[in-house]
Protein backbone atom coordinates (compact mmCIF):
# COMPACT_ATOMS: atom_id res chain seq x y z
CA MET A 1 -14.44 -59.06 87.87
CA ASP A 2 -11.25 -56.37 89.16
CA GLN A 3 -12.88 -54.84 92.20
CA VAL A 4 -12.79 -51.14 92.55
CA ILE A 5 -13.74 -51.65 96.44
CA GLU A 6 -13.39 -54.04 98.75
CA VAL A 7 -14.49 -53.64 102.12
CA GLU A 8 -14.06 -56.64 105.04
CA GLY A 9 -15.08 -56.24 108.51
CA LEU A 10 -15.87 -52.53 108.68
CA ARG A 11 -16.94 -51.49 112.09
CA LYS A 12 -17.32 -48.04 113.39
CA SER A 13 -18.50 -46.76 116.66
CA PHE A 14 -19.15 -43.32 117.89
CA GLY A 15 -18.40 -43.99 121.73
CA ARG A 16 -19.88 -47.02 122.79
CA ARG A 17 -22.42 -47.44 120.05
CA GLU A 18 -21.33 -49.60 117.26
CA VAL A 19 -23.38 -48.37 114.19
CA LEU A 20 -21.42 -50.65 111.80
CA HIS A 21 -20.79 -54.28 112.69
CA GLY A 22 -18.21 -56.14 110.66
CA ILE A 23 -19.65 -54.99 107.01
CA CYS A 24 -18.37 -56.83 103.90
CA PHE A 25 -18.61 -56.52 100.21
CA GLY A 26 -17.03 -55.78 97.13
CA VAL A 27 -18.08 -54.00 94.07
CA GLY A 28 -16.81 -54.66 90.23
CA ARG A 29 -15.78 -52.48 87.63
CA GLY A 30 -18.90 -51.29 86.04
CA GLU A 31 -20.92 -52.57 88.39
CA VAL A 32 -23.70 -50.64 90.00
CA PHE A 33 -24.02 -51.38 94.16
CA GLY A 34 -26.71 -50.22 96.00
CA VAL A 35 -26.85 -49.80 99.72
CA ILE A 36 -30.43 -49.63 101.13
CA GLY A 37 -31.87 -49.66 104.54
CA PRO A 38 -33.75 -47.70 107.12
CA ASN A 39 -32.81 -44.63 108.55
CA GLY A 40 -30.04 -44.82 111.16
CA ALA A 41 -28.61 -48.34 109.36
CA GLY A 42 -25.23 -46.73 108.62
CA LYS A 43 -25.44 -46.23 105.03
CA THR A 44 -24.03 -42.39 105.00
CA THR A 45 -21.56 -43.57 107.78
CA THR A 46 -20.58 -46.47 105.13
CA MET A 47 -19.43 -44.20 102.36
CA ARG A 48 -17.98 -41.55 104.66
CA CYS A 49 -15.64 -44.56 105.84
CA LEU A 50 -15.21 -45.16 101.98
CA LEU A 51 -14.09 -41.35 101.31
CA ASP A 52 -12.09 -41.09 104.80
CA ILE A 53 -14.11 -38.86 105.71
CA ILE A 54 -14.39 -40.51 109.32
CA ARG A 55 -12.19 -43.37 110.14
CA PRO A 56 -13.51 -46.39 111.00
CA SER A 57 -13.19 -48.15 114.20
CA SER A 58 -11.83 -51.18 112.48
CA GLY A 59 -11.84 -52.74 109.01
CA THR A 60 -10.30 -53.17 105.79
CA ILE A 61 -11.11 -50.52 103.33
CA ARG A 62 -9.73 -50.61 99.39
CA ILE A 63 -10.97 -48.36 96.54
CA LEU A 64 -8.65 -48.80 93.33
CA GLY A 65 -6.31 -50.91 95.15
CA GLU A 66 -5.45 -48.00 97.73
CA ASP A 67 -6.50 -47.21 101.31
CA PRO A 68 -8.40 -44.25 101.50
CA GLY A 69 -7.16 -43.45 105.13
CA VAL A 70 -3.38 -43.26 102.88
CA ALA A 71 -3.98 -42.46 99.48
CA GLY A 72 -5.95 -39.10 100.34
CA THR A 73 -6.54 -36.76 97.73
CA ARG A 74 -4.69 -38.65 95.06
CA LEU A 75 -7.20 -41.76 95.29
CA ARG A 76 -9.95 -38.63 96.12
CA ARG A 77 -9.50 -37.47 92.57
CA ARG A 78 -10.33 -40.61 90.88
CA ILE A 79 -13.78 -40.60 92.82
CA GLY A 80 -16.88 -38.90 92.63
CA TYR A 81 -19.09 -38.02 95.48
CA LEU A 82 -22.38 -36.94 96.25
CA PRO A 83 -23.05 -36.34 99.85
CA GLY A 84 -26.42 -37.17 101.18
CA GLU A 85 -27.25 -33.66 102.54
CA LEU A 86 -25.15 -30.83 100.02
CA PHE A 87 -24.08 -27.97 101.44
CA LEU A 88 -23.31 -25.02 98.75
CA GLU A 89 -21.38 -21.95 98.93
CA GLN A 90 -24.58 -19.14 98.69
CA ARG A 91 -22.70 -16.42 97.55
CA ILE A 92 -21.40 -17.96 94.42
CA THR A 93 -22.39 -19.13 91.05
CA GLY A 94 -23.42 -22.86 90.40
CA ARG A 95 -20.33 -22.11 87.34
CA ARG A 96 -18.41 -20.78 89.76
CA LEU A 97 -18.64 -23.53 92.74
CA LEU A 98 -17.95 -26.26 89.48
CA ALA A 99 -14.66 -24.33 88.44
CA HIS A 100 -13.65 -23.97 92.52
CA TYR A 101 -14.25 -28.07 92.47
CA ALA A 102 -12.75 -28.58 89.17
CA ALA A 103 -9.36 -27.02 90.69
CA ILE A 104 -9.83 -29.85 93.79
CA SER A 105 -10.87 -32.79 91.90
CA GLY A 106 -8.64 -32.39 88.93
CA ALA A 107 -8.90 -32.18 85.04
CA VAL A 108 -12.31 -31.52 84.01
CA ARG A 109 -12.76 -31.72 79.90
CA PRO A 110 -13.86 -28.66 78.47
CA GLY A 111 -17.58 -28.25 77.94
CA ARG A 112 -18.39 -31.50 80.28
CA ALA A 113 -19.80 -29.33 83.02
CA ASP A 114 -22.02 -27.45 80.77
CA GLU A 115 -22.70 -30.92 78.69
CA LEU A 116 -24.03 -32.00 81.79
CA ALA A 117 -25.76 -29.41 82.96
CA GLU A 118 -27.29 -29.46 79.73
CA ARG A 119 -28.79 -32.62 80.50
CA PHE A 120 -30.19 -31.77 83.87
CA ASN A 121 -31.51 -27.94 82.22
CA LEU A 122 -29.58 -26.44 84.86
CA ASP A 123 -28.76 -23.11 84.78
CA LEU A 124 -25.14 -22.67 86.11
CA ASP A 125 -25.36 -18.87 86.04
CA ARG A 126 -27.74 -18.74 88.97
CA HIS A 127 -26.44 -17.75 92.29
CA THR A 128 -26.87 -21.34 94.16
CA ARG A 129 -28.33 -18.98 96.97
CA LYS A 130 -31.34 -18.89 94.53
CA LEU A 131 -31.61 -22.75 93.40
CA SER A 132 -34.33 -25.21 94.25
CA LYS A 133 -33.72 -28.01 96.11
CA GLY A 134 -33.80 -30.19 93.32
CA ASN A 135 -31.43 -27.73 91.15
CA LYS A 136 -28.90 -27.91 93.90
CA GLN A 137 -29.14 -31.54 93.82
CA LYS A 138 -28.26 -31.15 89.77
CA LEU A 139 -25.42 -29.22 90.67
CA GLY A 140 -24.33 -31.93 92.90
CA LEU A 141 -24.57 -34.22 90.35
CA VAL A 142 -23.01 -32.65 87.81
CA GLN A 143 -20.02 -31.90 90.23
CA ALA A 144 -20.18 -35.57 90.72
CA PHE A 145 -19.58 -36.57 87.46
CA MET A 146 -17.99 -33.69 85.54
CA HIS A 147 -14.49 -35.31 86.00
CA ASP A 148 -15.67 -38.56 84.61
CA PRO A 149 -13.89 -40.41 87.99
CA GLU A 150 -13.23 -44.19 87.74
CA VAL A 151 -15.76 -44.81 90.94
CA LEU A 152 -18.87 -42.98 91.92
CA ILE A 153 -20.08 -42.77 95.17
CA LEU A 154 -23.39 -41.02 95.26
CA ASP A 155 -25.77 -41.03 98.33
CA GLU A 156 -29.49 -40.41 97.82
CA PRO A 157 -28.32 -38.94 94.44
CA THR A 158 -32.25 -38.78 93.06
CA SER A 159 -33.19 -36.65 96.44
CA GLY A 160 -35.25 -33.68 95.32
CA LEU A 161 -34.96 -34.47 91.32
CA ASP A 162 -38.62 -34.82 89.20
CA PRO A 163 -38.95 -38.47 87.48
CA LEU A 164 -37.87 -36.69 84.06
CA ILE A 165 -34.89 -35.67 85.46
CA GLN A 166 -34.41 -39.14 87.88
CA GLN A 167 -34.66 -40.70 83.70
CA GLU A 168 -31.63 -38.82 82.70
CA PHE A 169 -29.70 -39.42 86.19
CA ARG A 170 -30.38 -43.31 85.15
CA SER A 171 -28.93 -42.72 81.40
CA LEU A 172 -26.03 -41.10 82.67
CA LEU A 173 -25.67 -43.92 85.14
CA ASN A 174 -25.95 -45.98 82.77
CA GLU A 175 -23.29 -44.68 80.67
CA ALA A 176 -20.86 -44.33 83.41
CA GLN A 177 -21.55 -48.10 83.94
CA HIS A 178 -20.87 -49.03 80.18
CA ASN A 179 -17.37 -47.26 80.45
CA GLY A 180 -17.05 -48.90 83.28
């Protein structure tokens, strides 16, 4: 199976406290890979290292055959990311915020954001400051999926979503998996 994520000996320390202890794993194309563990176990730290948001203390990371620390923006445009704690600009509509993200993440198929918003029953013309936690999470999911990335890295993607929307999320994830 073609590996899209390869992690070997990943370590991360904050001062004297080591939070990642030589993690090794691989994720194949079309594979859904979950990371579970208690709070503080290093799940989010691992994801942030994968995206070069923070630098590992040691170890090797390859995403789509590239080192995230070297490939930079070119690689990040091929990845859809939803952080565990989503912070949104408050004085903007969801539609304008998605347009801003599209300018950063690369081409988005016309109508794709609206299609995803409809699936999640999300009004893109509401200001983000007026959105509930669940609707903010939906906006984050639309942002992560809208440019049809090759790799998705989703930190607690169903947090705040009601059961019906969680089911729609799983359908969307299955479609992404089927498409490789």
